[in-house]
Amino acid sequence: MARYRAIAADLAAKIRAGEYAPGEALPPQRELSAAYGVTLMTLRQALRELSDEALIVQQPGRGTFVTPTYRLGSLRSFTEDLRDQGYVVRTEVVSQTVRRLPARIAAQLQARSTDSGLRLERVREFGGRRAIHQVSWIAPPHGERLRDNDFTAVSLYTALAELDVTVGCASETIRPDVLDDKLARHLGEPAGTPVLVSERSTSTSDGTVVVTDRATILGSMMHITTERATDHLSLRWGTGT
């Protein structure tokens, strides 16, 4: 086995065993290369292997980190989870307008087609790259009450909580797709780039749908991991470049 592959296998085993926790920084490259008795070039080959497996994220100027996770079973936002794991996440609000609900959205929100809701379009950036494009529709009457919120600084779930709206559950579907021309411009990647599309409806504890989301996620930045046991299945997002 090539030396770099052996190093990659050893580091991967340590990550999977929990010796390096999600979001934790690996030792500096010079320290690792000395520990394994190899050149920096060989070590970097090993790190590329781990990056290709989405086990690590390399952040220019900061270092190399074990892939953080976003648990699908959680009702926390992408941003909240990534920030808790040490990532600097920047949110750009593309548009934030109250408008008449499209028929499909009205059906998802269990609203009338004559009703109006808040359409919130955002782009998320972390690891120095635009990674997620997200369109959220907030049901009436909450949408109009949130029309002036600063969503570059406040998450949507936090804003809803401030209105005493408590989310209780969500239904989410994730599927592969490719970027179209419009989203390619938003994410700065060529049309046809592989992506994951998450479509989610979030409800209060009594089953009232309050938000419907569509998030387009660069396939090179995020992945899904499953952990299976005889009595449960755990799904989680991970990030990788």
C-alpha atoms as a PDB file:
ATOM      1  CA  MET A   1       0.000   0.000   0.000  1.00  0.00           C
ATOM      2  CA  ALA A   2       1.264   3.497  -0.864  1.00  0.00           C
ATOM      3  CA  ARG A   3       2.450   5.372   2.217  1.00  0.00           C
ATOM      4  CA  TYR A   4      -0.086   8.184   1.817  1.00  0.00           C
ATOM      5  CA  ARG A   5      -2.953   5.672   1.612  1.00  0.00           C
ATOM      6  CA  ALA A   6      -1.769   4.005   4.831  1.00  0.00           C
ATOM      7  CA  ILE A   7      -1.706   7.402   6.569  1.00  0.00           C
ATOM      8  CA  ALA A   8      -5.173   8.241   5.239  1.00  0.00           C
ATOM      9  CA  ALA A   9      -6.489   4.883   6.485  1.00  0.00           C
ATOM     10  CA  ASP A  10      -4.973   5.452   9.935  1.00  0.00           C
ATOM     11  CA  LEU A  11      -6.409   8.966  10.262  1.00  0.00           C
ATOM     12  CA  ALA A  12      -9.795   7.775   8.974  1.00  0.00           C
ATOM     13  CA  ALA A  13      -9.850   5.024  11.599  1.00  0.00           C
ATOM     14  CA  LYS A  14      -9.068   7.562  14.338  1.00  0.00           C
ATOM     15  CA  ILE A  15     -11.812   9.890  13.134  1.00  0.00           C
ATOM     16  CA  ARG A  16     -14.386   7.100  12.999  1.00  0.00           C
ATOM     17  CA  ALA A  17     -13.313   5.907  16.463  1.00  0.00           C
ATOM     18  CA  GLY A  18     -13.902   9.382  17.860  1.00  0.00           C
ATOM     19  CA  GLU A  19     -10.265  10.235  18.637  1.00  0.00           C
ATOM     20  CA  TYR A  20     -10.906  13.379  16.601  1.00  0.00           C
ATOM     21  CA  ALA A  21     -14.438  14.683  17.181  1.00  0.00           C
ATOM     22  CA  PRO A  22     -16.695  16.316  14.558  1.00  0.00           C
ATOM     23  CA  GLY A  23     -15.577  19.907  14.034  1.00  0.00           C
ATOM     24  CA  GLU A  24     -12.266  19.346  15.850  1.00  0.00           C
ATOM     25  CA  ALA A  25      -9.012  20.548  14.289  1.00  0.00           C
ATOM     26  CA  LEU A  26      -6.403  17.981  13.290  1.00  0.00           C
ATOM     27  CA  PRO A  27      -2.817  18.681  14.362  1.00  0.00           C
ATOM     28  CA  PRO A  28      -0.898  21.055  12.047  1.00  0.00           C
ATOM     29  CA  GLN A  29       0.394  19.476   8.848  1.00  0.00           C
ATOM     30  CA  ARG A  30       4.067  19.785   9.862  1.00  0.00           C
ATOM     31  CA  GLU A  31       3.293  18.040  13.142  1.00  0.00           C
ATOM     32  CA  LEU A  32       1.432  15.242  11.384  1.00  0.00           C
ATOM     33  CA  SER A  33       4.113  14.772   8.734  1.00  0.00           C
ATOM     34  CA  ALA A  34       6.760  14.505  11.462  1.00  0.00           C
ATOM     35  CA  ALA A  35       4.640  12.039  13.455  1.00  0.00           C
ATOM     36  CA  TYR A  36       4.242   9.779  10.410  1.00  0.00           C
ATOM     37  CA  GLY A  37       7.814  10.314   9.255  1.00  0.00           C
ATOM     38  CA  VAL A  38       6.849  11.546   5.769  1.00  0.00           C
ATOM     39  CA  THR A  39       7.212  14.691   3.702  1.00  0.00           C
ATOM     40  CA  LEU A  40       4.545  17.378   3.617  1.00  0.00           C
ATOM     41  CA  MET A  41       3.755  16.346   0.043  1.00  0.00           C
ATOM     42  CA  THR A  42       2.991  12.780   1.136  1.00  0.00           C
ATOM     43  CA  LEU A  43       0.876  13.983   4.044  1.00  0.00           C
ATOM     44  CA  ARG A  44      -1.085  16.295   1.767  1.00  0.00           C
ATOM     45  CA  GLN A  45      -1.839  13.374  -0.541  1.00  0.00           C
ATOM     46  CA  ALA A  46      -3.277  11.554   2.476  1.00  0.00           C
ATOM     47  CA  LEU A  47      -5.372  14.588   3.431  1.00  0.00           C
ATOM     48  CA  ARG A  48      -6.731  14.795  -0.109  1.00  0.00           C
ATOM     49  CA  GLU A  49      -7.890  11.183   0.276  1.00  0.00           C
ATOM     50  CA  LEU A  50      -9.736  12.089   3.486  1.00  0.00           C
ATOM     51  CA  SER A  51     -11.214  15.178   1.851  1.00  0.00           C
ATOM     52  CA  ASP A  52     -12.475  13.079  -1.071  1.00  0.00           C
ATOM     53  CA  GLU A  53     -14.176  10.801   1.481  1.00  0.00           C
ATOM     54  CA  ALA A  54     -15.722  13.923   3.108  1.00  0.00           C
ATOM     55  CA  LEU A  55     -14.100  13.060   6.444  1.00  0.00           C
ATOM     56  CA  ILE A  56     -12.261  16.376   6.721  1.00  0.00           C
ATOM     57  CA  VAL A  57     -12.648  19.991   5.652  1.00  0.00           C
ATOM     58  CA  GLN A  58      -9.581  22.078   4.859  1.00  0.00           C
ATOM     59  CA  GLN A  59     -10.039  25.781   5.580  1.00  0.00           C
ATOM     60  CA  PRO A  60      -7.375  28.078   4.097  1.00  0.00           C
ATOM     61  CA  GLY A  61      -5.635  30.036   6.819  1.00  0.00           C
ATOM     62  CA  ARG A  62      -7.330  28.089   9.618  1.00  0.00           C
ATOM     63  CA  GLY A  63      -6.314  24.460   9.279  1.00  0.00           C
ATOM     64  CA  THR A  64      -7.833  21.027   8.750  1.00  0.00           C
ATOM     65  CA  PHE A  65     -10.994  20.011  10.607  1.00  0.00           C
ATOM     66  CA  VAL A  66     -12.975  16.825  11.023  1.00  0.00           C
ATOM     67  CA  THR A  67     -16.208  17.103   9.068  1.00  0.00           C
ATOM     68  CA  PRO A  68     -18.884  18.733  11.228  1.00  0.00           C
ATOM     69  CA  THR A  69     -22.354  17.208  11.271  1.00  0.00           C
ATOM     70  CA  TYR A  70     -25.892  18.439  10.829  1.00  0.00           C
ATOM     71  CA  ARG A  71     -28.415  15.969  12.212  1.00  0.00           C
ATOM     72  CA  LEU A  72     -31.520  15.537  10.119  1.00  0.00           C
ATOM     73  CA  GLY A  73     -33.472  14.592  13.214  1.00  0.00           C
ATOM     74  CA  SER A  74     -32.894  18.044  14.667  1.00  0.00           C
ATOM     75  CA  LEU A  75     -35.073  21.084  14.032  1.00  0.00           C
ATOM     76  CA  ARG A  76     -32.085  23.378  14.351  1.00  0.00           C
ATOM     77  CA  SER A  77     -31.005  25.232  11.235  1.00  0.00           C
ATOM     78  CA  PHE A  78     -27.948  24.527   9.090  1.00  0.00           C
ATOM     79  CA  THR A  79     -26.409  27.746  10.359  1.00  0.00           C
ATOM     80  CA  GLU A  80     -26.943  27.044  14.066  1.00  0.00           C
ATOM     81  CA  ASP A  81     -25.310  23.626  13.863  1.00  0.00           C
ATOM     82  CA  LEU A  82     -22.365  24.758  11.755  1.00  0.00           C
ATOM     83  CA  ARG A  83     -21.679  27.784  13.968  1.00  0.00           C
ATOM     84  CA  ASP A  84     -21.777  25.613  17.095  1.00  0.00           C
ATOM     85  CA  GLN A  85     -19.055  23.470  15.512  1.00  0.00           C
ATOM     86  CA  GLY A  86     -16.739  26.412  14.903  1.00  0.00           C
ATOM     87  CA  TYR A  87     -17.648  27.423  11.348  1.00  0.00           C
ATOM     88  CA  VAL A  88     -18.032  31.048  10.362  1.00  0.00           C
ATOM     89  CA  VAL A  89     -21.289  31.139   8.403  1.00  0.00           C
ATOM     90  CA  ARG A  90     -22.339  34.209   6.447  1.00  0.00           C
ATOM     91  CA  THR A  91     -25.930  34.660   5.308  1.00  0.00           C
ATOM     92  CA  GLU A  92     -26.829  36.878   2.363  1.00  0.00           C
ATOM     93  CA  VAL A  93     -30.492  37.769   1.970  1.00  0.00           C
ATOM     94  CA  VAL A  94     -31.255  37.800  -1.757  1.00  0.00           C
ATOM     95  CA  SER A  95     -34.888  38.845  -1.354  1.00  0.00           C
ATOM     96  CA  GLN A  96     -37.431  39.206   1.449  1.00  0.00           C
ATOM     97  CA  THR A  97     -40.932  40.069   0.272  1.00  0.00           C
ATOM     98  CA  VAL A  98     -44.527  39.431   1.214  1.00  0.00           C
ATOM     99  CA  ARG A  99     -46.425  38.195  -1.815  1.00  0.00           C
ATOM    100  CA  ARG A 100     -49.353  36.051  -2.879  1.00  0.00           C
ATOM    101  CA  LEU A 101     -48.714  32.359  -2.334  1.00  0.00           C
ATOM    102  CA  PRO A 102     -48.201  30.235  -5.469  1.00  0.00           C
ATOM    103  CA  ALA A 103     -50.780  27.444  -5.638  1.00  0.00           C
ATOM    104  CA  ARG A 104     -48.228  24.738  -4.810  1.00  0.00           C
ATOM    105  CA  ILE A 105     -46.924  26.649  -1.783  1.00  0.00           C
ATOM    106  CA  ALA A 106     -50.428  27.477  -0.574  1.00  0.00           C
ATOM    107  CA  ALA A 107     -51.262  23.758  -0.644  1.00  0.00           C
ATOM    108  CA  GLN A 108     -48.113  22.905   1.341  1.00  0.00           C
ATOM    109  CA  LEU A 109     -48.885  25.613   3.914  1.00  0.00           C
ATOM    110  CA  GLN A 110     -52.535  24.555   4.098  1.00  0.00           C
ATOM    111  CA  ALA A 111     -53.471  28.121   3.188  1.00  0.00           C
ATOM    112  CA  ARG A 112     -55.765  29.709   0.593  1.00  0.00           C
ATOM    113  CA  SER A 113     -54.348  30.580  -2.800  1.00  0.00           C
ATOM    114  CA  THR A 114     -55.485  34.176  -2.189  1.00  0.00           C
ATOM    115  CA  ASP A 115     -53.361  34.442   0.973  1.00  0.00           C
ATOM    116  CA  SER A 116     -49.996  36.156   1.143  1.00  0.00           C
ATOM    117  CA  GLY A 117     -46.862  34.890   2.861  1.00  0.00           C
ATOM    118  CA  LEU A 118     -43.240  35.908   3.300  1.00  0.00           C
ATOM    119  CA  ARG A 119     -40.864  34.602   0.629  1.00  0.00           C
ATOM    120  CA  LEU A 120     -37.336  34.604   2.044  1.00  0.00           C
ATOM    121  CA  GLU A 121     -34.434  33.800  -0.307  1.00  0.00           C
ATOM    122  CA  ARG A 122     -30.958  33.355   1.194  1.00  0.00           C
ATOM    123  CA  VAL A 123     -27.471  32.180   0.251  1.00  0.00           C
ATOM    124  CA  ARG A 124     -25.250  30.585   2.932  1.00  0.00           C
ATOM    125  CA  GLU A 125     -21.473  30.773   2.779  1.00  0.00           C
ATOM    126  CA  PHE A 126     -18.985  28.859   4.912  1.00  0.00           C
ATOM    127  CA  GLY A 127     -15.468  27.541   4.470  1.00  0.00           C
ATOM    128  CA  GLY A 128     -14.869  30.464   2.122  1.00  0.00           C
ATOM    129  CA  ARG A 129     -17.463  29.270  -0.411  1.00  0.00           C
ATOM    130  CA  ARG A 130     -21.103  29.830  -1.239  1.00  0.00           C
ATOM    131  CA  ALA A 131     -22.614  26.463  -0.402  1.00  0.00           C
ATOM    132  CA  ILE A 132     -26.393  26.646   0.115  1.00  0.00           C
ATOM    133  CA  HIS A 133     -29.201  28.478  -1.685  1.00  0.00           C
ATOM    134  CA  GLN A 134     -32.453  28.442   0.282  1.00  0.00           C
ATOM    135  CA  VAL A 135     -35.979  29.673  -0.414  1.00  0.00           C
ATOM    136  CA  SER A 136     -38.381  29.680   2.543  1.00  0.00           C
ATOM    137  CA  TRP A 137     -42.073  30.542   2.570  1.00  0.00           C
ATOM    138  CA  ILE A 138     -43.551  31.539   5.941  1.00  0.00           C
ATOM    139  CA  ALA A 139     -47.286  31.036   6.359  1.00  0.00           C
ATOM    140  CA  PRO A 140     -49.734  33.851   7.166  1.00  0.00           C
ATOM    141  CA  PRO A 141     -50.061  35.641   9.488  1.00  0.00           C
ATOM    142  CA  HIS A 142     -46.483  35.023  10.674  1.00  0.00           C
ATOM    143  CA  GLY A 143     -44.901  35.989   7.360  1.00  0.00           C
ATOM    144  CA  GLU A 144     -46.128  39.584   7.466  1.00  0.00           C
ATOM    145  CA  ARG A 145     -44.975  39.913  11.079  1.00  0.00           C
ATOM    146  CA  LEU A 146     -41.465  38.833  10.068  1.00  0.00           C
ATOM    147  CA  ARG A 147     -41.157  40.919   6.912  1.00  0.00           C
ATOM    148  CA  ASP A 148     -38.702  43.429   8.461  1.00  0.00           C
ATOM    149  CA  ASN A 149     -36.500  40.996  10.424  1.00  0.00           C
ATOM    150  CA  ASP A 150     -32.756  41.019   9.787  1.00  0.00           C
ATOM    151  CA  PHE A 151     -32.226  37.433   8.639  1.00  0.00           C
ATOM    152  CA  THR A 152     -28.507  37.972   8.093  1.00  0.00           C
ATOM    153  CA  ALA A 153     -28.189  37.921  11.881  1.00  0.00           C
ATOM    154  CA  VAL A 154     -31.217  35.937  13.138  1.00  0.00           C
ATOM    155  CA  SER A 155     -32.273  32.426  12.152  1.00  0.00           C
ATOM    156  CA  LEU A 156     -35.817  31.860  10.943  1.00  0.00           C
ATOM    157  CA  TYR A 157     -36.583  29.451  13.797  1.00  0.00           C
ATOM    158  CA  THR A 158     -35.370  32.013  16.349  1.00  0.00           C
ATOM    159  CA  ALA A 159     -37.539  34.692  14.753  1.00  0.00           C
ATOM    160  CA  LEU A 160     -40.576  32.388  14.920  1.00  0.00           C
ATOM    161  CA  ALA A 161     -39.854  31.604  18.582  1.00  0.00           C
ATOM    162  CA  GLU A 162     -39.882  35.333  19.305  1.00  0.00           C
ATOM    163  CA  LEU A 163     -43.445  35.344  17.958  1.00  0.00           C
ATOM    164  CA  ASP A 164     -44.282  32.490  20.383  1.00  0.00           C
ATOM    165  CA  VAL A 165     -44.500  30.048  17.463  1.00  0.00           C
ATOM    166  CA  THR A 166     -42.967  26.764  18.623  1.00  0.00           C
ATOM    167  CA  VAL A 167     -42.044  24.281  15.911  1.00  0.00           C
ATOM    168  CA  GLY A 168     -42.690  20.666  16.809  1.00  0.00           C
ATOM    169  CA  CYS A 169     -41.796  18.503  13.803  1.00  0.00           C
ATOM    170  CA  ALA A 170     -40.714  18.560  10.176  1.00  0.00           C
ATOM    171  CA  SER A 171     -41.041  16.392   7.100  1.00  0.00           C
ATOM    172  CA  GLU A 172     -37.999  16.431   4.812  1.00  0.00           C
ATOM    173  CA  THR A 173     -37.170  14.905   1.433  1.00  0.00           C
ATOM    174  CA  ILE A 174     -33.638  14.943   0.016  1.00  0.00           C
ATOM    175  CA  ARG A 175     -32.774  14.103  -3.567  1.00  0.00           C
ATOM    176  CA  PRO A 176     -29.876  14.573  -5.995  1.00  0.00           C
ATOM    177  CA  ASP A 177     -30.064  17.145  -8.772  1.00  0.00           C
ATOM    178  CA  VAL A 178     -27.861  19.519 -10.782  1.00  0.00           C
ATOM    179  CA  LEU A 179     -27.626  23.315 -10.773  1.00  0.00           C
ATOM    180  CA  ASP A 180     -29.704  25.212 -13.289  1.00  0.00           C
ATOM    181  CA  ASP A 181     -28.468  28.482 -14.789  1.00  0.00           C
ATOM    182  CA  LYS A 182     -30.156  30.723 -12.201  1.00  0.00           C
ATOM    183  CA  LEU A 183     -28.881  28.888  -9.131  1.00  0.00           C
ATOM    184  CA  ALA A 184     -25.465  28.504 -10.733  1.00  0.00           C
ATOM    185  CA  ARG A 185     -25.156  32.287 -10.657  1.00  0.00           C
ATOM    186  CA  HIS A 186     -26.156  32.424  -6.989  1.00  0.00           C
ATOM    187  CA  LEU A 187     -23.672  29.730  -5.925  1.00  0.00           C
ATOM    188  CA  GLY A 188     -20.846  30.677  -8.264  1.00  0.00           C
ATOM    189  CA  GLU A 189     -20.588  27.213  -9.822  1.00  0.00           C
ATOM    190  CA  PRO A 190     -21.214  26.031 -13.412  1.00  0.00           C
ATOM    191  CA  ALA A 191     -24.682  24.884 -14.438  1.00  0.00           C
ATOM    192  CA  GLY A 192     -24.829  21.100 -14.228  1.00  0.00           C
ATOM    193  CA  THR A 193     -22.817  20.934 -10.987  1.00  0.00           C
ATOM    194  CA  PRO A 194     -24.131  18.100  -8.725  1.00  0.00           C
ATOM    195  CA  VAL A 195     -26.254  19.263  -5.800  1.00  0.00           C
ATOM    196  CA  LEU A 196     -28.500  17.892  -3.076  1.00  0.00           C
ATOM    197  CA  VAL A 197     -31.999  19.370  -2.835  1.00  0.00           C
ATOM    198  CA  SER A 198     -33.722  19.375   0.559  1.00  0.00           C
ATOM    199  CA  GLU A 199     -37.445  20.106   0.669  1.00  0.00           C
ATOM    200  CA  ARG A 200     -38.868  20.499   4.148  1.00  0.00           C
ATOM    201  CA  SER A 201     -42.217  21.387   5.711  1.00  0.00           C
ATOM    202  CA  THR A 202     -42.039  22.492   9.333  1.00  0.00           C
ATOM    203  CA  SER A 203     -45.072  22.323  11.625  1.00  0.00           C
ATOM    204  CA  THR A 204     -46.115  23.282  15.116  1.00  0.00           C
ATOM    205  CA  SER A 205     -46.949  20.547  17.620  1.00  0.00           C
ATOM    206  CA  ASP A 206     -50.607  20.622  16.544  1.00  0.00           C
ATOM    207  CA  GLY A 207     -49.668  19.899  12.915  1.00  0.00           C
ATOM    208  CA  THR A 208     -50.059  23.423  11.525  1.00  0.00           C
ATOM    209  CA  VAL A 209     -47.485  23.977   8.776  1.00  0.00           C
ATOM    210  CA  VAL A 210     -45.670  27.281   9.324  1.00  0.00           C
ATOM    211  CA  VAL A 211     -42.683  27.075   6.958  1.00  0.00           C
ATOM    212  CA  THR A 212     -41.863  25.317   3.719  1.00  0.00           C
ATOM    213  CA  ASP A 213     -38.239  25.318   2.544  1.00  0.00           C
ATOM    214  CA  ARG A 214     -36.268  24.333  -0.517  1.00  0.00           C
ATOM    215  CA  ALA A 215     -32.500  24.257   0.010  1.00  0.00           C
ATOM    216  CA  THR A 216     -30.050  23.571  -2.806  1.00  0.00           C
ATOM    217  CA  ILE A 217     -26.716  22.370  -1.428  1.00  0.00           C
ATOM    218  CA  LEU A 218     -23.485  21.969  -3.364  1.00  0.00           C
ATOM    219  CA  GLY A 219     -22.688  18.258  -3.512  1.00  0.00           C
ATOM    220  CA  SER A 220     -18.986  19.011  -2.969  1.00  0.00           C
ATOM    221  CA  MET A 221     -19.734  20.790   0.327  1.00  0.00           C
ATOM    222  CA  MET A 222     -22.238  18.494   2.042  1.00  0.00           C
ATOM    223  CA  HIS A 223     -22.963  14.794   2.310  1.00  0.00           C
ATOM    224  CA  ILE A 224     -25.336  12.485   4.188  1.00  0.00           C
ATOM    225  CA  THR A 225     -24.151   9.782   6.574  1.00  0.00           C
ATOM    226  CA  THR A 226     -26.323   7.023   8.062  1.00  0.00           C
ATOM    227  CA  GLU A 227     -25.615   5.074  11.225  1.00  0.00           C
ATOM    228  CA  ARG A 228     -27.711   1.913  11.403  1.00  0.00           C
ATOM    229  CA  ALA A 229     -28.484  -0.219  14.434  1.00  0.00           C
ATOM    230  CA  THR A 230     -31.048  -2.923  15.105  1.00  0.00           C
ATOM    231  CA  ASP A 231     -33.337  -0.480  16.893  1.00  0.00           C
ATOM    232  CA  HIS A 232     -32.754   2.859  15.184  1.00  0.00           C
ATOM    233  CA  LEU A 233     -31.429   4.732  12.167  1.00  0.00           C
ATOM    234  CA  SER A 234     -29.495   7.966  12.576  1.00  0.00           C
ATOM    235  CA  LEU A 235     -29.117  10.325   9.599  1.00  0.00           C
ATOM    236  CA  ARG A 236     -26.850  13.330   9.541  1.00  0.00           C
ATOM    237  CA  TRP A 237     -25.429  15.951   7.246  1.00  0.00           C
ATOM    238  CA  GLY A 238     -21.697  16.369   7.014  1.00  0.00           C
ATOM    239  CA  THR A 239     -19.656  18.995   5.208  1.00  0.00           C
ATOM    240  CA  GLY A 240     -16.715  18.417   2.956  1.00  0.00           C
ATOM    241  CA  THR A 241     -14.791  20.084   0.174  1.00  0.00           C
END
